[in-house]
Amino acid sequence: MPQKALIIVDMLNDFIDEKGALYCGSQARKIIPFVRDRLSTFRKNGDLVIFLQDSHAENDLEFTKFPKHCVTDTWGSEIIHEISPVLEEKIIAKTRYSGFYGTDLDKILKEANPKEVEVVGVCTSICVMDTVGGLVNRDYNVLVPAKGVADFDNAMHDFSLKRMKQVYGARIT
């Protein structure tokens, strides 16, 4: 059984590529090497790797708040090539901010029962923070490396790291 789990949140073309519909900026591109290194370490150790993939219908109500992005089965919703999943890794499509909403994430984690769950990806203030909140509410030991998360809003990024540490009790490194 894996000792740890790595959740990679929304490292998708629409957020990470400059041509993406909801590009998170250069700070998002800067986390790619760190995320790739963490992915390599987890693979080498035989630990659980889960990719969360924002995946929306053409007329998703979220598009009233944000530009149309990550429409299911489009280039924008694809995981960036720098960290392509391998066959045994889980890819969980999600339609809301939290990786738990309407997905099998809870079941997968319960089966694996990791001692620690590390979370990396984008956007710190939205999908990362909501997923971390779900993990903490399920009593997981959560680690969020600051070098492994990014947001299109620097002030919200900083606030979210502080909130995840002080309110959720996640370990921020």
Foldseek 3Di string as FASTA:
>chain_A
DAQEEEEAEAQFCLDDPPPHQNDLPPLQVQLLVVVQVVLVVCVVRVHAYEYEWEEEDPPDPCCVVGPDARHHPDRRRDRDPSRDDDDVHHYWYDHALASPPPTCPVVVCVVRVHQEYEYAYDDLLTNRLNNLLVCLVVPHAYEYELSRHHGSDPVSNVVSLVCCCPPSVHHYD
